[in-house]
């Protein structure tokens, strides 16, 4: 589609849509003299009119545009009355306007205007909007019943209110990719129109290149025919006519032939316009199908990613269940289960999470060789709580390893290893963590 504009565009005005590509798209529409490059002021909700009906429409308009495009809320809130001091030094109110680009209105709305437009009206009767295909109460169109409000159409206040349903024509189109495609279609229409001249109207005379309006705006002159073409007479009969009758006959025949040619040119022009509309619709449908295909591929990719995450989560849950089952069988996290070869450390994953080694027997051999300490499994008879519950050096080293491989605090570690105080836990950690770090550094240099 193409919406020509012959008036100059307003300058130094920015759109409040919040899209960084909006300025570029607006400039491109202006370059091809498309009316969608114009910016129009939005209704000012602060500058109240004396007409209550207009204020109701403005308030509802501001409410609906915030729903369709939440990013404009901050800009609309800046429509405040700014105090300025004139030469008379009297305080006056000055409105602060905000603007929206015309291409943000749906093409169905712009196409509903028969003549060339400069701005889009604020409202339209619901019956007219339904007839033009831009309203559907159930959705699937530009506007729905959520955009409808009741307006009193009585011209005087003394009469009983007569309410009629209207819709507010707020901008609803913010698709960057489709807007860029619309620019390509408009350029294609202009390019095709530029190649067409009115050769048919001028006969076989050489045409002078001229700048013409797009085909949607200029059409061949519709001449009123004077009647059917005269029946061709035999040349001998024509020659036998007197001069006056022969000239009248030939002149009437020439006029009828010109009228017939003009009617044929008009039919061809109408067929070309219909074809261009069909081509434009076809390109639009092609674009929509391409966008739908892209969205479908994105949805399929998200579905695959979701299934992958679900499978990974299921595997993680199964592993977690196995570890919890192993901890339950071992009697939970306590001093005995943490130091026993047959305890929870028999599970390689739990052992790796607690101590950083997936093999508990290898860990025992490593600690005995590195620090010259002896492994002693805790017994129920030796485990007490409170004072006197001292850990062996091997158990102290295990406590330090648990501290370095988890985020557990001193209090939790103390409870796990037999009810130790936080001070005692800190003493063990301060003793063994540096030694473990030193041994780790030595092994990394090997």
Protein backbone atom coordinates (compact mmCIF):
# COMPACT_ATOMS: atom_id res chain seq x y z
CA UNK A 1 0.00 0.00 0.00
CA UNK A 2 1.01 3.61 -0.60
CA UNK A 3 -0.49 6.73 1.03
CA UNK A 4 0.78 9.79 -0.89
CA UNK A 5 1.22 13.13 0.84
CA UNK A 6 1.71 16.44 -0.98
CA UNK A 7 2.15 18.68 2.07
CA UNK A 8 5.52 19.24 3.81
CA UNK A 9 6.28 17.12 6.85
CA UNK A 10 6.72 18.63 10.30
CA UNK A 11 10.31 18.72 11.53
CA UNK A 12 12.18 18.59 14.86
CA UNK A 13 9.53 16.32 16.35
CA UNK A 14 10.23 12.90 17.84
CA UNK A 15 7.93 9.93 18.33
CA UNK A 16 7.26 8.64 21.87
CA UNK A 17 6.81 4.98 20.87
CA UNK A 18 10.11 3.93 22.48
CA UNK A 19 11.46 2.04 19.42
CA UNK A 20 15.01 2.95 18.45
CA UNK A 21 14.31 2.09 14.79
CA UNK A 22 11.28 4.41 14.62
CA UNK A 23 13.24 7.48 13.47
CA UNK A 24 14.82 5.58 10.58
CA UNK A 25 11.49 4.12 9.43
CA UNK A 26 9.77 7.52 9.65
CA UNK A 27 12.57 9.08 7.57
CA UNK A 28 12.19 6.39 4.90
CA UNK A 29 8.44 7.00 4.66
CA UNK A 30 9.10 10.72 4.29
CA UNK A 31 11.66 10.09 1.54
CA UNK A 32 8.97 8.48 -0.65
CA UNK A 33 6.32 11.09 0.30
CA UNK A 34 4.23 8.55 2.21
CA UNK A 35 1.78 10.00 4.73
CA UNK A 36 2.93 7.43 7.29
CA UNK A 37 6.04 9.56 7.79
CA UNK A 38 3.97 12.31 9.40
CA UNK A 39 3.90 12.78 13.20
CA UNK A 40 0.69 13.87 14.87
CA UNK A 41 0.05 15.21 18.34
CA UNK A 42 -1.70 12.89 20.76
CA UNK A 43 -4.74 14.20 22.66
CA UNK A 44 -3.56 16.24 25.65
CA UNK A 45 -5.23 14.82 28.73
CA UNK A 46 -4.22 17.80 30.89
CA UNK A 47 -5.43 20.58 28.63
CA UNK A 48 -9.10 20.10 29.48
CA UNK A 49 -11.62 21.33 26.97
CA UNK A 50 -14.76 23.22 27.86
CA UNK A 51 -16.65 20.40 26.21
CA UNK A 52 -17.16 17.55 28.67
CA UNK A 53 -17.74 15.09 25.82
CA UNK A 54 -14.31 15.85 24.34
CA UNK A 55 -12.66 15.39 27.75
CA UNK A 56 -14.25 11.96 28.12
CA UNK A 57 -12.92 10.89 24.73
CA UNK A 58 -9.42 12.23 25.51
CA UNK A 59 -9.31 10.46 28.88
CA UNK A 60 -10.42 7.14 27.39
CA UNK A 61 -7.97 7.58 24.48
CA UNK A 62 -5.08 8.03 26.93
CA UNK A 63 -6.19 4.95 28.88
CA UNK A 64 -6.33 2.68 25.82
CA UNK A 65 -3.04 3.82 24.27
CA UNK A 66 -1.32 2.97 27.55
CA UNK A 67 -2.74 -0.56 27.24
CA UNK A 68 -1.70 -1.04 23.60
CA UNK A 69 1.76 0.53 24.15
CA UNK A 70 2.79 0.71 27.85
CA UNK A 71 6.12 2.37 26.93
CA UNK A 72 4.35 5.68 26.17
CA UNK A 73 3.10 6.06 29.73
CA UNK A 74 6.04 8.16 30.94
CA UNK A 75 5.85 10.44 27.91
CA UNK A 76 2.11 10.96 28.34
CA UNK A 77 2.64 11.81 32.00
CA UNK A 78 4.88 14.73 30.93
CA UNK A 79 1.89 16.47 29.32
CA UNK A 80 1.73 18.97 32.12
CA UNK A 81 0.87 22.64 32.15
CA UNK A 82 4.15 24.53 32.17
CA UNK A 83 4.13 27.98 33.68
CA UNK A 84 5.74 30.66 31.50
CA UNK A 85 6.09 34.39 32.01
CA UNK A 86 5.20 36.55 29.02
CA UNK A 87 6.19 40.14 28.33
CA UNK A 88 3.14 41.21 30.32
CA UNK A 89 4.62 39.28 33.28
CA UNK A 90 1.38 37.40 33.68
CA UNK A 91 1.51 33.71 34.42
CA UNK A 92 0.06 31.72 31.55
CA UNK A 93 -0.41 28.03 30.81
CA UNK A 94 1.45 26.41 27.94
CA UNK A 95 0.64 22.89 26.82
CA UNK A 96 3.41 20.37 26.31
CA UNK A 97 2.49 18.14 23.39
CA UNK A 98 3.74 14.64 22.61
CA UNK A 99 3.67 13.04 19.16
CA UNK A 100 3.29 9.62 17.56
CA UNK A 101 4.32 8.58 14.03
CA UNK A 102 1.40 7.88 11.68
CA UNK A 103 2.90 4.52 10.63
CA UNK A 104 2.04 3.22 14.11
CA UNK A 105 -1.62 3.13 13.06
CA UNK A 106 -2.72 -0.13 11.47
CA UNK A 107 -2.90 -0.12 7.65
CA UNK A 108 -6.57 -1.11 7.85
CA UNK A 109 -7.28 2.11 9.73
CA UNK A 110 -5.34 4.26 7.25
CA UNK A 111 -7.03 2.52 4.30
CA UNK A 112 -10.47 3.29 5.73
CA UNK A 113 -10.02 6.98 4.90
CA UNK A 114 -11.13 7.64 1.33
CA UNK A 115 -9.37 10.96 0.75
CA UNK A 116 -5.79 11.99 1.41
CA UNK A 117 -5.35 12.42 5.18
CA UNK A 118 -2.87 14.39 7.25
CA UNK A 119 -3.81 13.07 10.69
CA UNK A 120 -5.85 10.19 12.04
CA UNK A 121 -9.08 11.14 13.80
CA UNK A 122 -9.45 10.34 17.49
CA UNK A 123 -12.69 8.37 17.31
CA UNK A 124 -15.15 6.68 14.98
CA UNK A 125 -18.69 5.32 15.44
CA UNK A 126 -18.58 1.61 16.19
CA UNK A 127 -21.02 0.83 13.37
CA UNK A 128 -18.77 2.58 10.83
CA UNK A 129 -15.66 0.86 12.22
CA UNK A 130 -17.34 -2.54 11.95
CA UNK A 131 -18.37 -1.82 8.35
CA UNK A 132 -14.79 -0.85 7.46
CA UNK A 133 -13.40 -4.02 9.02
CA UNK A 134 -11.34 -2.39 11.78
CA UNK A 135 -13.53 -3.51 14.71
CA UNK A 136 -14.50 -6.93 15.97
CA UNK A 137 -15.96 -7.44 19.43
CA UNK A 138 -14.35 -10.89 19.73
CA UNK A 139 -10.90 -9.73 18.65
CA UNK A 140 -8.88 -10.68 15.59
CA UNK A 141 -9.08 -7.15 14.20
CA UNK A 142 -7.54 -3.75 14.99
CA UNK A 143 -9.90 -2.90 17.85
CA UNK A 144 -12.12 -4.88 20.19
CA UNK A 145 -14.91 -4.08 22.62
CA UNK A 146 -12.27 -2.95 25.12
CA UNK A 147 -11.69 0.12 22.89
CA UNK A 148 -15.39 1.10 22.92
CA UNK A 149 -16.92 3.86 25.02
CA UNK A 150 -20.35 5.46 25.05
CA UNK A 151 -20.65 9.04 23.82
CA UNK A 152 -23.54 11.46 24.19
CA UNK A 153 -24.30 12.67 20.66
CA UNK A 154 -26.88 15.27 21.71
CA UNK A 155 -25.74 18.79 20.81
CA UNK A 156 -27.36 20.46 23.83
CA UNK A 157 -27.20 19.67 27.51
CA UNK A 158 -30.89 20.31 28.12
CA UNK A 159 -32.00 17.30 26.13
CA UNK A 160 -31.94 13.77 27.45
CA UNK A 161 -28.56 12.10 26.78
CA UNK A 162 -28.49 9.99 23.63
CA UNK A 163 -25.64 7.50 23.95
CA UNK A 164 -23.92 5.96 20.96
CA UNK A 165 -20.97 3.58 20.96
CA UNK A 166 -17.68 4.92 19.61
CA UNK A 167 -14.19 3.43 19.36
CA UNK A 168 -10.96 5.37 19.92
CA UNK A 169 -8.50 5.05 17.02
CA UNK A 170 -5.32 4.58 19.03
CA UNK A 171 -2.02 3.42 17.45
CA UNK A 172 -1.64 -0.36 17.67
CA UNK A 173 1.11 -1.19 15.12
CA UNK A 174 4.72 -1.45 16.37
CA UNK A 175 6.18 -4.28 14.24
CA UNK A 176 9.56 -3.12 12.88
CA UNK A 177 10.03 -5.93 10.35
CA UNK A 178 6.56 -5.52 8.85
CA UNK A 179 7.03 -1.74 8.66
CA UNK A 180 10.26 -2.21 6.69
CA UNK A 181 8.39 -4.57 4.37
CA UNK A 182 5.66 -1.93 3.92
CA UNK A 183 8.33 0.54 2.79
CA UNK A 184 9.54 -1.93 0.16
CA UNK A 185 5.98 -2.41 -1.13
CA UNK A 186 5.42 1.35 -1.33
CA UNK A 187 8.68 1.80 -3.24
CA UNK A 188 7.69 -0.99 -5.63
CA UNK A 189 4.34 0.68 -6.31
CA UNK A 190 6.04 4.03 -6.96
CA UNK A 191 8.58 2.36 -9.25
CA UNK A 192 5.88 0.67 -11.30
CA UNK A 193 3.87 3.88 -11.53
CA UNK A 194 6.87 5.93 -12.68
CA UNK A 195 7.18 3.72 -15.77
CA UNK A 196 3.59 4.34 -16.78
CA UNK A 197 2.74 7.37 -18.91
CA UNK A 198 -0.49 8.34 -20.50
CA UNK A 199 0.54 7.22 -23.98
CA UNK A 200 -2.91 5.77 -24.59
CA UNK A 201 -4.49 9.18 -23.98
CA UNK A 202 -2.06 10.92 -26.36
CA UNK A 203 -2.33 8.46 -29.23
CA UNK A 204 0.92 7.53 -30.96
CA UNK A 205 2.60 10.89 -30.38
CA UNK A 206 5.95 10.77 -28.55
CA UNK A 207 5.43 11.29 -24.84
CA UNK A 208 7.36 13.77 -22.75
CA UNK A 209 8.64 12.34 -19.47
CA UNK A 210 6.62 13.89 -16.64
CA UNK A 211 6.31 13.27 -12.92
CA UNK A 212 2.90 11.76 -12.29
CA UNK A 213 0.98 10.83 -9.20
CA UNK A 214 0.83 7.16 -8.14
CA UNK A 215 -1.64 5.06 -10.07
CA UNK A 216 -3.99 4.89 -7.08
CA UNK A 217 -4.45 8.70 -7.27
CA UNK A 218 -4.42 9.48 -11.03
CA UNK A 219 -6.77 7.88 -13.51
CA UNK A 220 -7.58 8.48 -17.21
CA UNK A 221 -10.19 11.13 -17.83
CA UNK A 222 -13.59 9.52 -17.99
CA UNK A 223 -15.20 10.88 -21.13
CA UNK A 224 -18.91 10.53 -21.61
CA UNK A 225 -19.61 8.58 -24.76
CA UNK A 226 -22.01 10.08 -27.27
CA UNK A 227 -23.47 6.82 -28.41
CA UNK A 228 -22.50 3.74 -30.40
CA UNK A 229 -19.89 3.90 -33.15
CA UNK A 230 -21.37 4.61 -36.57
CA UNK A 231 -21.73 1.70 -38.90
CA UNK A 232 -18.92 1.73 -41.49
CA UNK A 233 -20.18 2.57 -44.95
CA UNK A 234 -18.77 1.49 -48.25
CA UNK A 235 -16.02 3.84 -49.46
CA UNK A 236 -17.91 4.31 -52.72
CA UNK A 237 -20.99 5.49 -50.78
CA UNK A 238 -18.85 7.86 -48.75
CA UNK A 239 -17.32 9.33 -51.88
CA UNK A 240 -20.76 9.77 -53.41
CA UNK A 241 -21.84 12.03 -50.51
CA UNK A 242 -21.68 15.75 -50.91
CA UNK A 243 -18.78 17.49 -49.18
CA UNK A 244 -20.76 18.71 -46.17
CA UNK A 245 -22.35 15.33 -45.43
CA UNK A 246 -19.06 13.48 -45.96
CA UNK A 247 -17.20 15.79 -43.53
CA UNK A 248 -19.96 15.46 -40.91
CA UNK A 249 -19.92 11.66 -41.22
CA UNK A 250 -16.13 11.40 -40.97
CA UNK A 251 -16.03 13.81 -38.01
CA UNK A 252 -18.67 11.83 -36.12
CA UNK A 253 -16.85 8.59 -36.90
CA UNK A 254 -13.55 10.01 -35.60
CA UNK A 255 -15.22 11.20 -32.38
CA UNK A 256 -16.79 7.80 -31.79
CA UNK A 257 -13.47 6.06 -32.38
CA UNK A 258 -11.79 8.40 -29.85
CA UNK A 259 -14.54 7.69 -27.32
CA UNK A 260 -14.12 3.95 -27.83
CA UNK A 261 -10.34 4.20 -27.39
CA UNK A 262 -10.80 6.25 -24.21
CA UNK A 263 -13.23 3.67 -22.78
CA UNK A 264 -10.78 0.87 -23.53
CA UNK A 265 -7.94 2.78 -21.89
CA UNK A 266 -10.12 3.26 -18.81
CA UNK A 267 -10.89 -0.45 -18.64
CA UNK A 268 -7.20 -1.29 -18.92
CA UNK A 269 -6.35 1.22 -16.19
CA UNK A 270 -9.00 -0.26 -13.87
CA UNK A 271 -7.66 -3.76 -14.49
CA UNK A 272 -4.10 -2.57 -13.76
CA UNK A 273 -5.20 -1.05 -10.45
CA UNK A 274 -6.99 -4.24 -9.44
CA UNK A 275 -3.92 -6.24 -10.38
CA UNK A 276 -1.67 -3.96 -8.30
CA UNK A 277 -3.98 -4.33 -5.32
CA UNK A 278 -3.93 -8.10 -5.71
CA UNK A 279 -0.13 -8.08 -6.01
CA UNK A 280 0.14 -5.92 -2.91
CA UNK A 281 -2.18 -8.23 -0.98
CA UNK A 282 -0.20 -11.22 -2.21
CA UNK A 283 3.06 -9.66 -1.03
CA UNK A 284 1.45 -8.81 2.30
CA UNK A 285 0.21 -12.38 2.74
CA UNK A 286 3.65 -13.64 1.75
CA UNK A 287 5.23 -11.43 4.39
CA UNK A 288 2.74 -12.57 7.01
CA UNK A 289 3.36 -16.20 6.11
CA UNK A 290 7.11 -15.63 6.35
CA UNK A 291 6.72 -13.97 9.74
CA UNK A 292 4.42 -16.78 10.89
CA UNK A 293 6.96 -19.35 9.73
CA UNK A 294 9.72 -17.57 11.66
CA UNK A 295 7.53 -17.45 14.77
CA UNK A 296 6.69 -21.14 14.34
CA UNK A 297 10.40 -22.01 14.07
CA UNK A 298 11.13 -19.94 17.17
CA UNK A 299 8.33 -21.70 19.04
CA UNK A 300 9.66 -25.09 17.96
CA UNK A 301 13.15 -24.12 19.10
CA UNK A 302 11.81 -22.94 22.47
CA UNK A 303 9.84 -26.20 22.72
CA UNK A 304 12.99 -28.24 22.04
CA UNK A 305 14.96 -26.17 24.55
CA UNK A 306 12.18 -26.67 27.12
CA UNK A 307 12.18 -30.43 26.56
CA UNK A 308 15.98 -30.48 26.87
CA UNK A 309 15.82 -28.54 30.14
CA UNK A 310 13.06 -30.84 31.35
CA UNK A 311 15.14 -33.94 30.59
CA UNK A 312 18.17 -32.45 32.33
CA UNK A 313 16.01 -31.55 35.31
CA UNK A 314 14.58 -35.08 35.42
CA UNK A 315 18.11 -36.52 35.37
CA UNK A 316 19.14 -34.12 38.12
CA UNK A 317 16.06 -35.07 40.16
CA UNK A 318 16.81 -38.78 39.73
CA UNK A 319 20.40 -38.21 40.86
CA UNK A 320 19.18 -36.18 43.81
CA UNK A 321 16.70 -38.90 44.77
CA UNK A 322 19.47 -41.49 44.68
CA UNK A 323 21.68 -39.34 46.88
CA UNK A 324 18.86 -38.67 49.35
CA UNK A 325 18.08 -42.38 49.45
CA UNK A 326 21.76 -43.11 50.16
CA UNK A 327 21.80 -40.50 52.92
CA UNK A 328 18.62 -41.98 54.41
CA UNK A 329 20.07 -45.50 54.35
CA UNK A 330 23.25 -44.22 56.04
CA UNK A 331 21.29 -42.51 58.80
CA UNK A 332 21.74 -38.94 57.52
CA UNK A 333 24.70 -36.61 57.83
CA UNK A 334 26.44 -37.33 61.13
CA UNK A 335 29.90 -38.06 62.43
CA UNK A 336 29.60 -41.82 61.92
CA UNK A 337 28.20 -41.70 58.37
CA UNK A 338 30.69 -39.03 57.33
CA UNK A 339 33.73 -41.09 58.35
CA UNK A 340 32.58 -44.62 57.54
CA UNK A 341 33.63 -46.38 54.35
CA UNK A 342 30.19 -47.95 54.19
CA UNK A 343 28.36 -44.68 54.95
CA UNK A 344 27.11 -41.99 52.60
CA UNK A 345 30.62 -41.58 51.16
CA UNK A 346 30.22 -44.93 49.45
CA UNK A 347 28.16 -42.90 46.95
CA UNK A 348 30.74 -41.28 44.66
CA UNK A 349 28.57 -38.24 43.85
CA UNK A 350 27.94 -37.43 47.51
CA UNK A 351 31.61 -37.97 48.30
CA UNK A 352 32.61 -35.57 45.49
CA UNK A 353 30.15 -32.92 46.68
CA UNK A 354 31.30 -33.09 50.31
CA UNK A 355 35.05 -33.69 50.03
CA UNK A 356 35.97 -32.97 46.40
CA UNK A 357 37.00 -36.64 45.82
CA UNK A 358 34.72 -39.20 44.22
CA UNK A 359 36.54 -42.14 45.87
CA UNK A 360 36.52 -42.18 49.68
CA UNK A 361 39.18 -44.89 50.00
CA UNK A 362 41.53 -42.91 47.74
CA UNK A 363 40.84 -39.86 49.93
CA UNK A 364 41.85 -41.84 53.01
CA UNK A 365 45.14 -42.91 51.38
CA UNK A 366 45.81 -39.34 50.19
CA UNK A 367 45.29 -37.78 53.61
CA UNK A 368 47.34 -40.45 55.39
CA UNK A 369 50.23 -39.98 52.94
CA UNK A 370 50.06 -36.17 52.85
CA UNK A 371 49.71 -35.38 56.53
CA UNK A 372 50.93 -38.58 58.24
CA UNK A 373 47.61 -39.07 59.99
CA UNK A 374 45.78 -42.33 60.63
CA UNK A 375 42.24 -43.11 59.57
CA UNK A 376 39.98 -44.13 62.42
CA UNK A 377 36.32 -44.75 61.86
CA UNK A 378 34.08 -43.10 64.44
CA UNK A 379 32.20 -45.49 66.71
CA UNK A 380 28.91 -44.94 68.40
CA UNK A 381 30.60 -45.50 71.76
CA UNK A 382 33.15 -42.72 71.09
CA UNK A 383 30.70 -40.16 69.77
CA UNK A 384 29.40 -37.84 72.48
CA UNK A 385 28.06 -34.32 72.43
CA UNK A 386 29.31 -31.21 74.14
CA UNK A 387 32.65 -30.97 75.92
CA UNK A 388 35.13 -33.74 75.45
CA UNK A 389 33.87 -34.57 71.97
CA UNK A 390 37.24 -33.96 70.33
CA UNK A 391 37.71 -35.06 66.73
CA UNK A 392 40.63 -37.07 65.50
CA UNK A 393 43.04 -35.34 63.13
CA UNK A 394 41.54 -37.30 60.25
CA UNK A 395 38.02 -36.13 61.18
CA UNK A 396 39.28 -32.55 61.54
CA UNK A 397 40.67 -32.74 58.01
CA UNK A 398 37.35 -34.08 56.71
CA UNK A 399 35.51 -31.20 58.39
CA UNK A 400 37.81 -28.70 56.65
CA UNK A 401 37.20 -30.39 53.29
CA UNK A 402 33.41 -30.19 53.77
CA UNK A 403 33.81 -26.48 54.57
CA UNK A 404 35.77 -25.79 51.38
CA UNK A 405 33.35 -27.73 49.13
CA UNK A 406 30.04 -26.44 50.51
CA UNK A 407 28.48 -23.17 51.66
CA UNK A 408 27.58 -24.50 55.10
CA UNK A 409 28.39 -22.40 58.14
CA UNK A 410 30.21 -23.23 61.37
CA UNK A 411 27.01 -24.03 63.26
CA UNK A 412 25.81 -26.63 60.73
CA UNK A 413 29.25 -28.24 60.52
CA UNK A 414 29.40 -28.41 64.30
CA UNK A 415 26.05 -30.22 64.46
CA UNK A 416 27.11 -32.68 61.74
CA UNK A 417 30.35 -33.61 63.54
CA UNK A 418 28.90 -34.30 66.95
CA UNK A 419 27.66 -30.99 68.36
CA UNK A 420 30.85 -28.92 68.24
CA UNK A 421 30.83 -25.25 69.13
CA UNK A 422 31.43 -22.66 66.44
CA UNK A 423 34.70 -21.72 68.10
CA UNK A 424 35.98 -25.30 67.89
CA UNK A 425 34.89 -25.61 64.26
CA UNK A 426 36.68 -22.36 63.42
CA UNK A 427 39.84 -23.60 65.13
CA UNK A 428 39.85 -26.80 63.03
CA UNK A 429 39.21 -24.87 59.81
CA UNK A 430 41.95 -22.33 60.49
CA UNK A 431 44.37 -25.19 61.12
CA UNK A 432 43.63 -27.47 58.16
CA UNK A 433 42.45 -25.25 55.30
CA UNK A 434 45.92 -23.65 54.82
CA UNK A 435 47.56 -27.08 54.93
CA UNK A 436 45.11 -28.47 52.36
CA UNK A 437 45.75 -25.46 50.11
CA UNK A 438 49.48 -25.98 50.39
CA UNK A 439 49.23 -29.65 49.45
CA UNK A 440 46.92 -28.81 46.54
CA UNK A 441 49.40 -26.27 45.22
CA UNK A 442 52.25 -28.78 45.46
CA UNK A 443 50.23 -31.38 43.51
CA UNK A 444 49.35 -28.85 40.76
CA UNK A 445 53.09 -28.18 40.21
CA UNK A 446 53.88 -31.84 39.64
